[in-house]
């Protein structure tokens, strides 16, 4: 799944949409800085939490040094597309 990471945020937050190079991306704001992969790791943890999957199930596939990343979720449940849509498109309540 496509993700746009915003490092240096006041708090970690998952939600919103960014039309990036990999298509519609989920926005993940993280407190960690973009230094030594810290923001990427924080985004991976935040994504796993927001999707309700184990951290080990989420892995980076592309974009280690970019704000635009592709993550892979191993063995996603049938509810994953709906959860992702609600997070990305803002219809989560």
PDB file of N, CA and C in Angstrom:
ATOM      1  N   UNK A   1       0.827  -1.178   0.000  1.00  0.00           N
ATOM      2  CA  UNK A   1       0.000   0.000   0.000  1.00  0.00           C
ATOM      3  C   UNK A   1       0.870   1.240   0.000  1.00  0.00           C
ATOM      4  N   UNK A   2       0.391   2.255  -0.673  1.00  0.00           N
ATOM      5  CA  UNK A   2       1.118   3.521  -0.790  1.00  0.00           C
ATOM      6  C   UNK A   2       0.905   4.364   0.459  1.00  0.00           C
ATOM      7  N   UNK A   3       1.999   4.966   0.926  1.00  0.00           N
ATOM      8  CA  UNK A   3       1.979   5.781   2.140  1.00  0.00           C
ATOM      9  C   UNK A   3       2.807   7.035   1.907  1.00  0.00           C
ATOM     10  N   UNK A   4       2.344   8.147   2.460  1.00  0.00           N
ATOM     11  CA  UNK A   4       3.104   9.406   2.469  1.00  0.00           C
ATOM     12  C   UNK A   4       3.442   9.691   3.928  1.00  0.00           C
ATOM     13  N   UNK A   5       4.722   9.745   4.262  1.00  0.00           N
ATOM     14  CA  UNK A   5       5.162   9.948   5.639  1.00  0.00           C
ATOM     15  C   UNK A   5       5.503  11.416   5.850  1.00  0.00           C
ATOM     16  N   UNK A   6       5.017  11.949   6.960  1.00  0.00           N
ATOM     17  CA  UNK A   6       5.326  13.320   7.362  1.00  0.00           C
ATOM     18  C   UNK A   6       6.066  13.263   8.698  1.00  0.00           C
ATOM     19  N   UNK A   7       7.403  13.284   8.656  1.00  0.00           N
ATOM     20  CA  UNK A   7       8.182  13.213   9.898  1.00  0.00           C
ATOM     21  C   UNK A   7       8.163  14.533  10.660  1.00  0.00           C
ATOM     22  N   UNK A   8       8.503  14.448  11.942  1.00  0.00           N
ATOM     23  CA  UNK A   8       8.619  15.654  12.763  1.00  0.00           C
ATOM     24  C   UNK A   8       7.296  16.240  13.212  1.00  0.00           C
ATOM     25  N   UNK A   9       6.230  15.449  13.179  1.00  0.00           N
ATOM     26  CA  UNK A   9       4.909  15.939  13.612  1.00  0.00           C
ATOM     27  C   UNK A   9       4.873  16.043  15.134  1.00  0.00           C
ATOM     28  N   UNK A  10       3.935  16.813  15.652  1.00  0.00           N
ATOM     29  CA  UNK A  10       3.816  16.952  17.100  1.00  0.00           C
ATOM     30  C   UNK A  10       3.362  15.649  17.754  1.00  0.00           C
ATOM     31  N   UNK A  11       2.644  14.825  17.004  1.00  0.00           N
ATOM     32  CA  UNK A  11       2.220  13.508  17.502  1.00  0.00           C
ATOM     33  C   UNK A  11       2.010  12.577  16.318  1.00  0.00           C
ATOM     34  N   UNK A  12       2.029  11.272  16.594  1.00  0.00           N
ATOM     35  CA  UNK A  12       1.778  10.293  15.540  1.00  0.00           C
ATOM     36  C   UNK A  12       0.301  10.289  15.182  1.00  0.00           C
ATOM     37  N   UNK A  13       0.021  10.201  13.871  1.00  0.00           N
ATOM     38  CA  UNK A  13      -1.346  10.277  13.370  1.00  0.00           C
ATOM     39  C   UNK A  13      -1.426   9.519  12.053  1.00  0.00           C
ATOM     40  N   UNK A  14      -2.481   8.741  11.873  1.00  0.00           N
ATOM     41  CA  UNK A  14      -2.690   8.011  10.620  1.00  0.00           C
ATOM     42  C   UNK A  14      -4.038   8.430  10.063  1.00  0.00           C
ATOM     43  N   UNK A  15      -4.027   8.966   8.851  1.00  0.00           N
ATOM     44  CA  UNK A  15      -5.283   9.351   8.218  1.00  0.00           C
ATOM     45  C   UNK A  15      -5.092  10.486   7.243  1.00  0.00           C
ATOM     46  N   UNK A  16      -5.828  10.429   6.177  1.00  0.00           N
ATOM     47  CA  UNK A  16      -5.751  11.437   5.142  1.00  0.00           C
ATOM     48  C   UNK A  16      -5.234  10.840   3.849  1.00  0.00           C
ATOM     49  N   UNK A  17      -5.336  11.620   2.807  1.00  0.00           N
ATOM     50  CA  UNK A  17      -4.983  11.149   1.473  1.00  0.00           C
ATOM     51  C   UNK A  17      -3.988  12.095   0.815  1.00  0.00           C
ATOM     52  N   UNK A  18      -3.039  11.500   0.108  1.00  0.00           N
ATOM     53  CA  UNK A  18      -2.073  12.257  -0.678  1.00  0.00           C
ATOM     54  C   UNK A  18      -1.944  11.559  -2.023  1.00  0.00           C
ATOM     55  N   UNK A  19      -2.143  12.286  -3.102  1.00  0.00           N
ATOM     56  CA  UNK A  19      -2.004  11.703  -4.433  1.00  0.00           C
ATOM     57  C   UNK A  19      -0.544  11.797  -4.843  1.00  0.00           C
ATOM     58  N   UNK A  20       0.174  10.707  -4.629  1.00  0.00           N
ATOM     59  CA  UNK A  20       1.605  10.679  -4.868  1.00  0.00           C
ATOM     60  C   UNK A  20       1.995   9.831  -6.056  1.00  0.00           C
ATOM     61  N   UNK A  21       3.277   9.526  -6.168  1.00  0.00           N
ATOM     62  CA  UNK A  21       3.786   8.789  -7.322  1.00  0.00           C
ATOM     63  C   UNK A  21       3.313   7.340  -7.395  1.00  0.00           C
ATOM     64  N   UNK A  22       2.838   6.797  -6.276  1.00  0.00           N
ATOM     65  CA  UNK A  22       2.350   5.413  -6.255  1.00  0.00           C
ATOM     66  C   UNK A  22       0.822   5.355  -6.261  1.00  0.00           C
ATOM     67  N   UNK A  23       0.178   6.488  -6.558  1.00  0.00           N
ATOM     68  CA  UNK A  23      -1.281   6.555  -6.542  1.00  0.00           C
ATOM     69  C   UNK A  23      -1.768   7.134  -5.234  1.00  0.00           C
ATOM     70  N   UNK A  24      -3.061   6.980  -4.935  1.00  0.00           N
ATOM     71  CA  UNK A  24      -3.606   7.527  -3.692  1.00  0.00           C
ATOM     72  C   UNK A  24      -2.910   6.892  -2.486  1.00  0.00           C
ATOM     73  N   UNK A  25      -2.321   7.732  -1.658  1.00  0.00           N
ATOM     74  CA  UNK A  25      -1.535   7.241  -0.529  1.00  0.00           C
ATOM     75  C   UNK A  25      -2.182   7.630   0.792  1.00  0.00           C
ATOM     76  N   UNK A  26      -2.019   6.769   1.780  1.00  0.00           N
ATOM     77  CA  UNK A  26      -2.440   7.038   3.138  1.00  0.00           C
ATOM     78  C   UNK A  26      -1.379   7.925   3.790  1.00  0.00           C
ATOM     79  N   UNK A  27      -1.796   8.987   4.461  1.00  0.00           N
ATOM     80  CA  UNK A  27      -0.858   9.898   5.122  1.00  0.00           C
ATOM     81  C   UNK A  27      -0.603   9.412   6.547  1.00  0.00           C
ATOM     82  N   UNK A  28       0.679   9.317   6.894  1.00  0.00           N
ATOM     83  CA  UNK A  28       1.082   8.943   8.250  1.00  0.00           C
ATOM     84  C   UNK A  28       2.031  10.014   8.763  1.00  0.00           C
ATOM     85  N   UNK A  29       1.610  10.737   9.793  1.00  0.00           N
ATOM     86  CA  UNK A  29       2.461  11.738  10.434  1.00  0.00           C
ATOM     87  C   UNK A  29       3.100  11.077  11.654  1.00  0.00           C
ATOM     88  N   UNK A  30       4.412  11.229  11.786  1.00  0.00           N
ATOM     89  CA  UNK A  30       5.124  10.627  12.913  1.00  0.00           C
ATOM     90  C   UNK A  30       5.974  11.675  13.609  1.00  0.00           C
ATOM     91  N   UNK A  31       6.154  11.490  14.895  1.00  0.00           N
ATOM     92  CA  UNK A  31       6.955  12.413  15.698  1.00  0.00           C
ATOM     93  C   UNK A  31       8.445  12.273  15.382  1.00  0.00           C
ATOM     94  N   UNK A  32       8.879  11.074  15.062  1.00  0.00           N
ATOM     95  CA  UNK A  32      10.301  10.802  14.818  1.00  0.00           C
ATOM     96  C   UNK A  32      10.826  11.604  13.625  1.00  0.00           C
ATOM     97  N   UNK A  33      12.089  12.004  13.689  1.00  0.00           N
ATOM     98  CA  UNK A  33      12.701  12.730  12.562  1.00  0.00           C
ATOM     99  C   UNK A  33      13.090  11.773  11.437  1.00  0.00           C
ATOM    100  N   UNK A  34      13.315  12.335  10.270  1.00  0.00           N
ATOM    101  CA  UNK A  34      13.736  11.541   9.106  1.00  0.00           C
ATOM    102  C   UNK A  34      15.247  11.351   9.140  1.00  0.00           C
ATOM    103  N   UNK A  35      15.716  10.645  10.156  1.00  0.00           N
ATOM    104  CA  UNK A  35      17.144  10.404  10.349  1.00  0.00           C
ATOM    105  C   UNK A  35      17.345   8.925  10.652  1.00  0.00           C
ATOM    106  N   UNK A  36      18.252   8.293   9.932  1.00  0.00           N
ATOM    107  CA  UNK A  36      18.619   6.894  10.186  1.00  0.00           C
ATOM    108  C   UNK A  36      17.426   5.945  10.165  1.00  0.00           C
ATOM    109  N   UNK A  37      16.435   6.227   9.343  1.00  0.00           N
ATOM    110  CA  UNK A  37      15.291   5.333   9.206  1.00  0.00           C
ATOM    111  C   UNK A  37      14.288   5.385  10.342  1.00  0.00           C
ATOM    112  N   UNK A  38      14.455   6.333  11.246  1.00  0.00           N
ATOM    113  CA  UNK A  38      13.553   6.407  12.411  1.00  0.00           C
ATOM    114  C   UNK A  38      12.125   6.728  12.005  1.00  0.00           C
ATOM    115  N   UNK A  39      11.932   7.651  11.071  1.00  0.00           N
ATOM    116  CA  UNK A  39      10.577   8.002  10.634  1.00  0.00           C
ATOM    117  C   UNK A  39       9.926   6.828   9.906  1.00  0.00           C
ATOM    118  N   UNK A  40      10.697   6.114   9.116  1.00  0.00           N
ATOM    119  CA  UNK A  40      10.158   4.962   8.397  1.00  0.00           C
ATOM    120  C   UNK A  40       9.700   3.884   9.367  1.00  0.00           C
ATOM    121  N   UNK A  41      10.516   3.601  10.371  1.00  0.00           N
ATOM    122  CA  UNK A  41      10.147   2.590  11.369  1.00  0.00           C
ATOM    123  C   UNK A  41       8.925   3.039  12.167  1.00  0.00           C
ATOM    124  N   UNK A  42       8.861   4.312  12.528  1.00  0.00           N
ATOM    125  CA  UNK A  42       7.696   4.824  13.251  1.00  0.00           C
ATOM    126  C   UNK A  42       6.445   4.721  12.387  1.00  0.00           C
ATOM    127  N   UNK A  43       6.575   4.992  11.097  1.00  0.00           N
ATOM    128  CA  UNK A  43       5.440   4.882  10.186  1.00  0.00           C
ATOM    129  C   UNK A  43       4.989   3.430  10.064  1.00  0.00           C
ATOM    130  N   UNK A  44       5.921   2.505  10.023  1.00  0.00           N
ATOM    131  CA  UNK A  44       5.580   1.078   9.948  1.00  0.00           C
ATOM    132  C   UNK A  44       4.799   0.650  11.184  1.00  0.00           C
ATOM    133  N   UNK A  45       5.253   1.078  12.347  1.00  0.00           N
ATOM    134  CA  UNK A  45       4.553   0.749  13.598  1.00  0.00           C
ATOM    135  C   UNK A  45       3.166   1.386  13.630  1.00  0.00           C
ATOM    136  N   UNK A  46       3.074   2.650  13.229  1.00  0.00           N
ATOM    137  CA  UNK A  46       1.783   3.349  13.237  1.00  0.00           C
ATOM    138  C   UNK A  46       0.805   2.710  12.255  1.00  0.00           C
ATOM    139  N   UNK A  47       1.297   2.319  11.097  1.00  0.00           N
ATOM    140  CA  UNK A  47       0.447   1.672  10.096  1.00  0.00           C
ATOM    141  C   UNK A  47      -0.085   0.350  10.623  1.00  0.00           C
ATOM    142  N   UNK A  48       0.769  -0.445  11.217  1.00  0.00           N
ATOM    143  CA  UNK A  48       0.333  -1.723  11.783  1.00  0.00           C
ATOM    144  C   UNK A  48      -0.749  -1.503  12.839  1.00  0.00           C
ATOM    145  N   UNK A  49      -0.534  -0.527  13.713  1.00  0.00           N
ATOM    146  CA  UNK A  49      -1.527  -0.238  14.747  1.00  0.00           C
ATOM    147  C   UNK A  49      -2.857   0.210  14.182  1.00  0.00           C
ATOM    148  N   UNK A  50      -2.810   1.090  13.192  1.00  0.00           N
ATOM    149  CA  UNK A  50      -4.044   1.608  12.591  1.00  0.00           C
ATOM    150  C   UNK A  50      -4.812   0.524  11.843  1.00  0.00           C
ATOM    151  N   UNK A  51      -4.087  -0.423  11.267  1.00  0.00           N
ATOM    152  CA  UNK A  51      -4.733  -1.494  10.510  1.00  0.00           C
ATOM    153  C   UNK A  51      -5.116  -2.674  11.389  1.00  0.00           C
ATOM    154  N   UNK A  52      -4.638  -2.675  12.620  1.00  0.00           N
ATOM    155  CA  UNK A  52      -4.961  -3.768  13.539  1.00  0.00           C
ATOM    156  C   UNK A  52      -4.246  -5.068  13.207  1.00  0.00           C
ATOM    157  N   UNK A  53      -3.009  -4.946  12.717  1.00  0.00           N
ATOM    158  CA  UNK A  53      -2.210  -6.142  12.408  1.00  0.00           C
ATOM    159  C   UNK A  53      -0.926  -6.108  13.232  1.00  0.00           C
ATOM    160  N   UNK A  54      -0.257  -7.253  13.318  1.00  0.00           N
ATOM    161  CA  UNK A  54       1.013  -7.320  14.031  1.00  0.00           C
ATOM    162  C   UNK A  54       2.056  -6.465  13.310  1.00  0.00           C
ATOM    163  N   UNK A  55       2.964  -5.884  14.056  1.00  0.00           N
ATOM    164  CA  UNK A  55       4.033  -5.075  13.454  1.00  0.00           C
ATOM    165  C   UNK A  55       4.846  -5.881  12.463  1.00  0.00           C
ATOM    166  N   UNK A  56       5.085  -7.141  12.790  1.00  0.00           N
ATOM    167  CA  UNK A  56       5.894  -8.000  11.920  1.00  0.00           C
ATOM    168  C   UNK A  56       5.212  -8.270  10.580  1.00  0.00           C
ATOM    169  N   UNK A  57       3.911  -8.027  10.501  1.00  0.00           N
ATOM    170  CA  UNK A  57       3.167  -8.271   9.261  1.00  0.00           C
ATOM    171  C   UNK A  57       3.332  -7.134   8.257  1.00  0.00           C
ATOM    172  N   UNK A  58       3.901  -6.021   8.684  1.00  0.00           N
ATOM    173  CA  UNK A  58       4.065  -4.855   7.806  1.00  0.00           C
ATOM    174  C   UNK A  58       5.542  -4.685   7.479  1.00  0.00           C
ATOM    175  N   UNK A  59       5.854  -4.658   6.186  1.00  0.00           N
ATOM    176  CA  UNK A  59       7.249  -4.491   5.778  1.00  0.00           C
ATOM    177  C   UNK A  59       7.362  -3.446   4.671  1.00  0.00           C
ATOM    178  N   UNK A  60       8.487  -2.765   4.662  1.00  0.00           N
ATOM    179  CA  UNK A  60       8.761  -1.749   3.653  1.00  0.00           C
ATOM    180  C   UNK A  60       9.180  -2.426   2.353  1.00  0.00           C
ATOM    181  N   UNK A  61       8.585  -2.016   1.245  1.00  0.00           N
ATOM    182  CA  UNK A  61       8.927  -2.574  -0.059  1.00  0.00           C
ATOM    183  C   UNK A  61       9.677  -1.575  -0.940  1.00  0.00           C
ATOM    184  N   UNK A  62       9.409  -0.292  -0.779  1.00  0.00           N
ATOM    185  CA  UNK A  62      10.076   0.733  -1.595  1.00  0.00           C
ATOM    186  C   UNK A  62       9.994   2.067  -0.878  1.00  0.00           C
ATOM    187  N   UNK A  63      11.017   2.900  -1.073  1.00  0.00           N
ATOM    188  CA  UNK A  63      10.982   4.267  -0.576  1.00  0.00           C
ATOM    189  C   UNK A  63      11.689   4.495   0.738  1.00  0.00           C
ATOM    190  N   UNK A  64      12.721   3.732   1.033  1.00  0.00           N
ATOM    191  CA  UNK A  64      13.417   3.875   2.313  1.00  0.00           C
ATOM    192  C   UNK A  64      13.904   5.304   2.560  1.00  0.00           C
ATOM    193  N   UNK A  65      14.335   5.997   1.525  1.00  0.00           N
ATOM    194  CA  UNK A  65      14.870   7.349   1.681  1.00  0.00           C
ATOM    195  C   UNK A  65      13.919   8.417   1.148  1.00  0.00           C
ATOM    196  N   UNK A  66      12.639   8.075   1.023  1.00  0.00           N
ATOM    197  CA  UNK A  66      11.652   8.993   0.455  1.00  0.00           C
ATOM    198  C   UNK A  66      10.471   9.139   1.398  1.00  0.00           C
ATOM    199  N   UNK A  67       9.754  10.233   1.269  1.00  0.00           N
ATOM    200  CA  UNK A  67       8.513  10.384   2.025  1.00  0.00           C
ATOM    201  C   UNK A  67       7.416   9.498   1.451  1.00  0.00           C
ATOM    202  N   UNK A  68       7.523   9.163   0.174  1.00  0.00           N
ATOM    203  CA  UNK A  68       6.558   8.294  -0.499  1.00  0.00           C
ATOM    204  C   UNK A  68       7.067   6.861  -0.435  1.00  0.00           C
ATOM    205  N   UNK A  69       6.309   6.006   0.244  1.00  0.00           N
ATOM    206  CA  UNK A  69       6.754   4.641   0.496  1.00  0.00           C
ATOM    207  C   UNK A  69       5.688   3.642   0.068  1.00  0.00           C
ATOM    208  N   UNK A  70       6.133   2.424  -0.150  1.00  0.00           N
ATOM    209  CA  UNK A  70       5.228   1.306  -0.382  1.00  0.00           C
ATOM    210  C   UNK A  70       5.462   0.288   0.724  1.00  0.00           C
ATOM    211  N   UNK A  71       4.383  -0.062   1.432  1.00  0.00           N
ATOM    212  CA  UNK A  71       4.448  -1.082   2.466  1.00  0.00           C
ATOM    213  C   UNK A  71       3.647  -2.293   2.008  1.00  0.00           C
ATOM    214  N   UNK A  72       4.070  -3.455   2.451  1.00  0.00           N
ATOM    215  CA  UNK A  72       3.370  -4.699   2.182  1.00  0.00           C
ATOM    216  C   UNK A  72       2.814  -5.215   3.496  1.00  0.00           C
ATOM    217  N   UNK A  73       1.546  -5.606   3.497  1.00  0.00           N
ATOM    218  CA  UNK A  73       0.929  -6.214   4.670  1.00  0.00           C
ATOM    219  C   UNK A  73       0.790  -7.698   4.387  1.00  0.00           C
ATOM    220  N   UNK A  74       1.464  -8.509   5.178  1.00  0.00           N
ATOM    221  CA  UNK A  74       1.443  -9.956   5.011  1.00  0.00           C
ATOM    222  C   UNK A  74       0.132 -10.533   5.540  1.00  0.00           C
ATOM    223  N   UNK A  75      -0.531 -11.310   4.728  1.00  0.00           N
ATOM    224  CA  UNK A  75      -1.790 -11.975   5.078  1.00  0.00           C
ATOM    225  C   UNK A  75      -2.834 -11.015   5.628  1.00  0.00           C
ATOM    226  N   UNK A  76      -3.231 -10.034   4.852  1.00  0.00           N
ATOM    227  CA  UNK A  76      -4.249  -9.086   5.336  1.00  0.00           C
ATOM    228  C   UNK A  76      -5.603  -9.767   5.477  1.00  0.00           C
ATOM    229  N   UNK A  77      -6.368  -9.322   6.450  1.00  0.00           N
ATOM    230  CA  UNK A  77      -7.714  -9.845   6.653  1.00  0.00           C
ATOM    231  C   UNK A  77      -8.673  -9.265   5.628  1.00  0.00           C
ATOM    232  N   UNK A  78      -9.868  -9.820   5.538  1.00  0.00           N
ATOM    233  CA  UNK A  78     -10.844  -9.358   4.550  1.00  0.00           C
ATOM    234  C   UNK A  78     -11.337  -7.929   4.799  1.00  0.00           C
ATOM    235  N   UNK A  79     -11.172  -7.430   6.021  1.00  0.00           N
ATOM    236  CA  UNK A  79     -11.624  -6.075   6.359  1.00  0.00           C
ATOM    237  C   UNK A  79     -10.606  -5.006   5.992  1.00  0.00           C
ATOM    238  N   UNK A  80      -9.388  -5.399   5.634  1.00  0.00           N
ATOM    239  CA  UNK A  80      -8.316  -4.437   5.377  1.00  0.00           C
ATOM    240  C   UNK A  80      -8.661  -3.381   4.326  1.00  0.00           C
ATOM    241  N   UNK A  81      -9.224  -3.741   3.174  1.00  0.00           N
ATOM    242  CA  UNK A  81      -9.536  -2.694   2.184  1.00  0.00           C
ATOM    243  C   UNK A  81     -10.495  -1.625   2.722  1.00  0.00           C
ATOM    244  N   UNK A  82     -11.472  -2.041   3.518  1.00  0.00           N
ATOM    245  CA  UNK A  82     -12.429  -1.074   4.071  1.00  0.00           C
ATOM    246  C   UNK A  82     -11.763  -0.186   5.126  1.00  0.00           C
ATOM    247  N   UNK A  83     -10.941  -0.760   5.981  1.00  0.00           N
ATOM    248  CA  UNK A  83     -10.222   0.020   6.993  1.00  0.00           C
ATOM    249  C   UNK A  83      -9.314   1.034   6.307  1.00  0.00           C
ATOM    250  N   UNK A  84      -8.586   0.597   5.302  1.00  0.00           N
ATOM    251  CA  UNK A  84      -7.701   1.490   4.558  1.00  0.00           C
ATOM    252  C   UNK A  84      -8.481   2.613   3.894  1.00  0.00           C
ATOM    253  N   UNK A  85      -9.608   2.303   3.281  1.00  0.00           N
ATOM    254  CA  UNK A  85     -10.430   3.319   2.632  1.00  0.00           C
ATOM    255  C   UNK A  85     -10.899   4.363   3.651  1.00  0.00           C
ATOM    256  N   UNK A  86     -11.356   3.909   4.798  1.00  0.00           N
ATOM    257  CA  UNK A  86     -11.826   4.842   5.823  1.00  0.00           C
ATOM    258  C   UNK A  86     -10.698   5.738   6.340  1.00  0.00           C
ATOM    259  N   UNK A  87      -9.535   5.174   6.542  1.00  0.00           N
ATOM    260  CA  UNK A  87      -8.389   5.978   6.998  1.00  0.00           C
ATOM    261  C   UNK A  87      -7.950   6.983   5.933  1.00  0.00           C
ATOM    262  N   UNK A  88      -7.831   6.513   4.712  1.00  0.00           N
ATOM    263  CA  UNK A  88      -7.310   7.348   3.622  1.00  0.00           C
ATOM    264  C   UNK A  88      -8.309   8.402   3.180  1.00  0.00           C
ATOM    265  N   UNK A  89      -9.583   8.040   3.107  1.00  0.00           N
ATOM    266  CA  UNK A  89     -10.582   8.951   2.549  1.00  0.00           C
ATOM    267  C   UNK A  89     -11.356   9.731   3.607  1.00  0.00           C
ATOM    268  N   UNK A  90     -11.006   9.539   4.890  1.00  0.00           N
ATOM    269  CA  UNK A  90     -11.580  10.361   5.936  1.00  0.00           C
ATOM    270  C   UNK A  90     -12.972  10.017   6.381  1.00  0.00           C
ATOM    271  N   UNK A  91     -13.454   8.805   6.107  1.00  0.00           N
ATOM    272  CA  UNK A  91     -14.795   8.454   6.535  1.00  0.00           C
ATOM    273  C   UNK A  91     -14.764   7.624   7.803  1.00  0.00           C
ATOM    274  N   UNK A  92     -13.618   7.584   8.497  1.00  0.00           N
ATOM    275  CA  UNK A  92     -13.528   6.846   9.765  1.00  0.00           C
ATOM    276  C   UNK A  92     -14.152   7.684  10.866  1.00  0.00           C
ATOM    277  N   UNK A  93     -14.918   7.062  11.695  1.00  0.00           N
ATOM    278  CA  UNK A  93     -15.556   7.767  12.811  1.00  0.00           C
ATOM    279  C   UNK A  93     -15.179   7.107  14.109  1.00  0.00           C
TER     280      UNK A  93
END
